[in-house]
Amino acid sequence: PPSDKGKQLRLYYITQVAVKPPTFVIFVNNKELSHFSYIRYIENKIRDTFGFSGTSLKLITRERKGSK
């Protein structure tokens, strides 16, 4: 992922939480660092890999809770 002001976005994992529409939650270290173009890139990779062409996808970024 691209970095911003010396801080780097860390993507931990992605999970599907709903089916209609397909909704995915992306767990990251800092939600503010997730640029819309990188989220669009992830969306396109999900479409290509899992055959979601022509389907609207919903992507939600969420900060991972837990020990740091």
N, C-alpha and C. Protein backbone atom coordinates (compact mmCIF):
# COMPACT_ATOMS: atom_id res chain seq x y z
N PRO A 1 0.83 -1.21 0.00
CA PRO A 1 0.00 0.00 0.00
C PRO A 1 0.86 1.26 0.00
N PRO A 2 0.37 2.32 -0.61
CA PRO A 2 1.13 3.57 -0.62
C PRO A 2 1.22 4.17 0.78
N SER A 3 2.28 4.97 1.02
CA SER A 3 2.45 5.59 2.33
C SER A 3 2.07 7.06 2.25
N ASP A 4 1.75 7.62 3.42
CA ASP A 4 1.34 9.02 3.49
C ASP A 4 2.03 9.67 4.68
N LYS A 5 2.84 10.71 4.41
CA LYS A 5 3.52 11.47 5.46
C LYS A 5 4.34 10.58 6.39
N GLY A 6 5.02 9.61 5.83
CA GLY A 6 5.89 8.75 6.62
C GLY A 6 5.18 7.60 7.31
N LYS A 7 3.86 7.61 7.29
CA LYS A 7 3.11 6.52 7.91
C LYS A 7 2.61 5.60 6.81
N GLN A 8 2.59 4.31 7.09
CA GLN A 8 2.20 3.35 6.08
C GLN A 8 0.93 2.62 6.50
N LEU A 9 0.02 2.48 5.55
CA LEU A 9 -1.20 1.72 5.77
C LEU A 9 -0.84 0.25 5.87
N ARG A 10 -1.35 -0.40 6.88
CA ARG A 10 -1.13 -1.83 7.05
C ARG A 10 -2.48 -2.52 6.96
N LEU A 11 -2.61 -3.40 5.98
CA LEU A 11 -3.84 -4.14 5.78
C LEU A 11 -3.68 -5.50 6.46
N TYR A 12 -4.55 -5.80 7.42
CA TYR A 12 -4.43 -7.04 8.18
C TYR A 12 -5.19 -8.18 7.50
N TYR A 13 -6.48 -7.99 7.26
CA TYR A 13 -7.25 -9.02 6.56
C TYR A 13 -8.56 -8.44 6.06
N ILE A 14 -9.21 -9.19 5.17
CA ILE A 14 -10.51 -8.81 4.60
C ILE A 14 -11.46 -9.96 4.83
N THR A 15 -12.69 -9.65 5.23
CA THR A 15 -13.68 -10.69 5.44
C THR A 15 -15.01 -10.25 4.84
N GLN A 16 -15.76 -11.22 4.32
CA GLN A 16 -17.08 -10.92 3.77
C GLN A 16 -18.11 -11.03 4.89
N VAL A 17 -18.93 -9.97 5.05
CA VAL A 17 -19.89 -9.93 6.15
C VAL A 17 -21.34 -9.98 5.69
N ALA A 18 -21.60 -9.80 4.40
CA ALA A 18 -22.98 -9.85 3.88
C ALA A 18 -22.95 -10.34 2.44
N VAL A 19 -24.13 -10.80 1.98
CA VAL A 19 -24.23 -11.38 0.65
C VAL A 19 -24.94 -10.45 -0.33
N LYS A 20 -26.03 -9.82 0.08
CA LYS A 20 -26.80 -8.95 -0.82
C LYS A 20 -26.84 -7.54 -0.28
N PRO A 21 -26.06 -6.62 -0.80
CA PRO A 21 -24.97 -6.80 -1.77
C PRO A 21 -23.73 -7.38 -1.09
N PRO A 22 -22.83 -7.96 -1.87
CA PRO A 22 -21.60 -8.48 -1.28
C PRO A 22 -20.86 -7.36 -0.54
N THR A 23 -20.67 -7.56 0.76
CA THR A 23 -20.06 -6.54 1.61
C THR A 23 -18.82 -7.12 2.27
N PHE A 24 -17.73 -6.37 2.17
CA PHE A 24 -16.45 -6.80 2.73
C PHE A 24 -15.97 -5.76 3.72
N VAL A 25 -15.39 -6.23 4.82
CA VAL A 25 -14.76 -5.34 5.79
C VAL A 25 -13.26 -5.54 5.69
N ILE A 26 -12.54 -4.42 5.54
CA ILE A 26 -11.09 -4.43 5.44
C ILE A 26 -10.54 -3.90 6.76
N PHE A 27 -9.78 -4.72 7.47
CA PHE A 27 -9.20 -4.32 8.75
C PHE A 27 -7.80 -3.75 8.51
N VAL A 28 -7.60 -2.50 8.95
CA VAL A 28 -6.35 -1.78 8.73
C VAL A 28 -5.84 -1.21 10.05
N ASN A 29 -4.61 -0.71 10.04
CA ASN A 29 -4.05 -0.11 11.25
C ASN A 29 -4.56 1.31 11.48
N ASN A 30 -4.77 2.08 10.41
CA ASN A 30 -5.24 3.46 10.53
C ASN A 30 -6.17 3.76 9.37
N LYS A 31 -7.43 3.95 9.69
CA LYS A 31 -8.47 4.19 8.68
C LYS A 31 -8.20 5.44 7.85
N GLU A 32 -7.58 6.44 8.46
CA GLU A 32 -7.32 7.71 7.78
C GLU A 32 -6.29 7.56 6.65
N LEU A 33 -5.48 6.53 6.70
CA LEU A 33 -4.45 6.33 5.68
C LEU A 33 -4.97 5.59 4.45
N SER A 34 -6.19 5.08 4.50
CA SER A 34 -6.72 4.31 3.36
C SER A 34 -7.28 5.27 2.31
N HIS A 35 -6.55 5.42 1.23
CA HIS A 35 -6.92 6.32 0.14
C HIS A 35 -7.98 5.65 -0.73
N PHE A 36 -8.91 6.45 -1.27
CA PHE A 36 -10.00 5.89 -2.07
C PHE A 36 -9.49 5.13 -3.28
N SER A 37 -8.38 5.55 -3.86
CA SER A 37 -7.87 4.85 -5.04
C SER A 37 -7.33 3.47 -4.69
N TYR A 38 -6.76 3.32 -3.50
CA TYR A 38 -6.27 2.00 -3.08
C TYR A 38 -7.45 1.08 -2.75
N ILE A 39 -8.51 1.63 -2.16
CA ILE A 39 -9.72 0.84 -1.88
C ILE A 39 -10.35 0.39 -3.20
N ARG A 40 -10.35 1.26 -4.20
CA ARG A 40 -10.86 0.90 -5.52
C ARG A 40 -10.01 -0.21 -6.14
N TYR A 41 -8.69 -0.13 -5.96
CA TYR A 41 -7.79 -1.17 -6.45
C TYR A 41 -8.14 -2.52 -5.81
N ILE A 42 -8.36 -2.53 -4.49
CA ILE A 42 -8.73 -3.77 -3.79
C ILE A 42 -10.07 -4.29 -4.32
N GLU A 43 -11.02 -3.38 -4.53
CA GLU A 43 -12.32 -3.77 -5.08
C GLU A 43 -12.17 -4.44 -6.45
N ASN A 44 -11.35 -3.86 -7.30
CA ASN A 44 -11.13 -4.44 -8.63
C ASN A 44 -10.46 -5.81 -8.55
N LYS A 45 -9.53 -5.97 -7.62
CA LYS A 45 -8.87 -7.28 -7.44
C LYS A 45 -9.87 -8.33 -6.95
N ILE A 46 -10.77 -7.95 -6.05
CA ILE A 46 -11.81 -8.87 -5.58
C ILE A 46 -12.71 -9.26 -6.75
N ARG A 47 -13.10 -8.27 -7.57
CA ARG A 47 -13.95 -8.55 -8.74
C ARG A 47 -13.27 -9.54 -9.69
N ASP A 48 -12.00 -9.31 -10.00
CA ASP A 48 -11.28 -10.16 -10.95
C ASP A 48 -11.08 -11.57 -10.39
N THR A 49 -10.72 -11.66 -9.13
CA THR A 49 -10.38 -12.95 -8.53
C THR A 49 -11.59 -13.83 -8.30
N PHE A 50 -12.69 -13.23 -7.83
CA PHE A 50 -13.85 -14.03 -7.43
C PHE A 50 -15.06 -13.90 -8.35
N GLY A 51 -14.91 -13.23 -9.49
CA GLY A 51 -15.97 -13.18 -10.49
C GLY A 51 -17.17 -12.33 -10.10
N PHE A 52 -16.93 -11.18 -9.52
CA PHE A 52 -18.01 -10.27 -9.15
C PHE A 52 -18.26 -9.21 -10.22
N SER A 53 -17.94 -9.49 -11.47
CA SER A 53 -18.13 -8.48 -12.51
C SER A 53 -19.62 -8.19 -12.68
N GLY A 54 -19.97 -6.91 -12.75
CA GLY A 54 -21.36 -6.51 -12.91
C GLY A 54 -22.15 -6.46 -11.61
N THR A 55 -21.51 -6.76 -10.50
CA THR A 55 -22.18 -6.76 -9.20
C THR A 55 -21.65 -5.59 -8.38
N SER A 56 -22.56 -4.89 -7.70
CA SER A 56 -22.10 -3.80 -6.84
C SER A 56 -21.52 -4.39 -5.56
N LEU A 57 -20.34 -3.91 -5.19
CA LEU A 57 -19.67 -4.36 -3.97
C LEU A 57 -19.65 -3.22 -2.97
N LYS A 58 -19.71 -3.56 -1.71
CA LYS A 58 -19.60 -2.57 -0.65
C LYS A 58 -18.37 -2.91 0.17
N LEU A 59 -17.45 -1.95 0.26
CA LEU A 59 -16.22 -2.15 1.04
C LEU A 59 -16.22 -1.18 2.21
N ILE A 60 -15.95 -1.70 3.39
CA ILE A 60 -15.92 -0.90 4.61
C ILE A 60 -14.53 -1.04 5.22
N THR A 61 -13.89 0.08 5.54
CA THR A 61 -12.60 0.01 6.24
C THR A 61 -12.85 0.19 7.73
N ARG A 62 -12.17 -0.63 8.51
CA ARG A 62 -12.32 -0.59 9.96
C ARG A 62 -10.95 -0.79 10.59
N GLU A 63 -10.70 -0.04 11.65
CA GLU A 63 -9.43 -0.21 12.36
C GLU A 63 -9.49 -1.45 13.22
N ARG A 64 -8.40 -2.19 13.21
CA ARG A 64 -8.32 -3.41 14.02
C ARG A 64 -8.16 -3.04 15.48
N LYS A 65 -8.96 -3.65 16.30
CA LYS A 65 -8.86 -3.43 17.74
C LYS A 65 -7.98 -4.51 18.34
N GLY A 66 -7.32 -4.19 19.44
CA GLY A 66 -6.46 -5.17 20.09
C GLY A 66 -5.15 -4.54 20.50
N SER A 67 -4.23 -5.38 20.92
CA SER A 67 -2.93 -4.89 21.38
C SER A 67 -2.12 -4.35 20.22
N LYS A 68 -1.32 -3.34 20.51
CA LYS A 68 -0.50 -2.72 19.47
C LYS A 68 0.96 -2.95 19.74
